[in-house]
C-alpha cells in the first residue's frame, strides 16, 4: 500500500497515493475575528499541489481561499452547496464539484462519499476509499442523532474525528464513543490544537478509547508524513 497521511494541524489532512492526492479541510491561512493561531503554517507557500481539496463546510478554518491560493493548491474543490457558494464568492479560478450528503464521487483513484454531519446547514463528513482502505473524516460535527444514525457501522479502517467539544463539535469522550459506533479500527483526534481558546488535550480521547480496547487510538504529529500501514499497525 502506497498511501500516506500528512497532518497540517486543526482538521487538515493531505492524503497521497500512487494514483492521486487530496487534502481534507486544509487551513494554512490567518485566523479570523478575535481568534488567534497558536503556530504559523509549517509548509512553504506554493509547495503542495493536490488533485482535490475536500471541504466539509464553509467556516473559515475549513474553507480558506488563502490556503488554496498560496499553500495547498488544488485542481478542483469538492464540497456541499455552501462551499460552492463560498468558492464562487472567492473569485478563485478553481473548478468546483458539488457533493452533498449521501452523494458519491470517483476521481483520481479515490471513491468519496459525503456523509452526514450535524454542524451547519448542509455540512458534511467524508468517507474516502482508496487502495482497499476506508478513511472517515468527521469534519465538524455534534454527537447527535443527525450525525450518528446515518453513519452507524460504516466501519472505516481509520476515523479522523473532532474532539474540541465547543463551537458545534463533539468532545473527546463523545468522539471516542462515536469511533466505537462507527466500528473504526483506529481513531485519530483532530481539531484541538491550532486556535487559541478552542483546544483540547488529545490524551482525554486516547484514554477513553484505551479503556474500552475496541478501537486503537493514534495521535498524529504535525508535519510528519505517515504511511497508512504504520497507522494501521
Foldseek 3Di string as FASTA:
>chain_A
DAWKWADQAFQWIWIDDPQFIEIFQDAQDADDDPKHWPDHGPAFWPPAEGQEYEFQADPCSRQPPVCCRTPYPYQEYEYAPRNVVVVVVVPDPHHYDHAFAQRWDDDRQKIKHWHFAPADDGGTWIWIDHPRFTETERHAHALDCRRQVRQFQCAGQEYEAEAQPDNHHHHLLSQLVSCVRNQYQEYEYHRAHTIPPRHDDNVSNQVNNVVVVRHHYDYDDHGDMGDVVVRSD
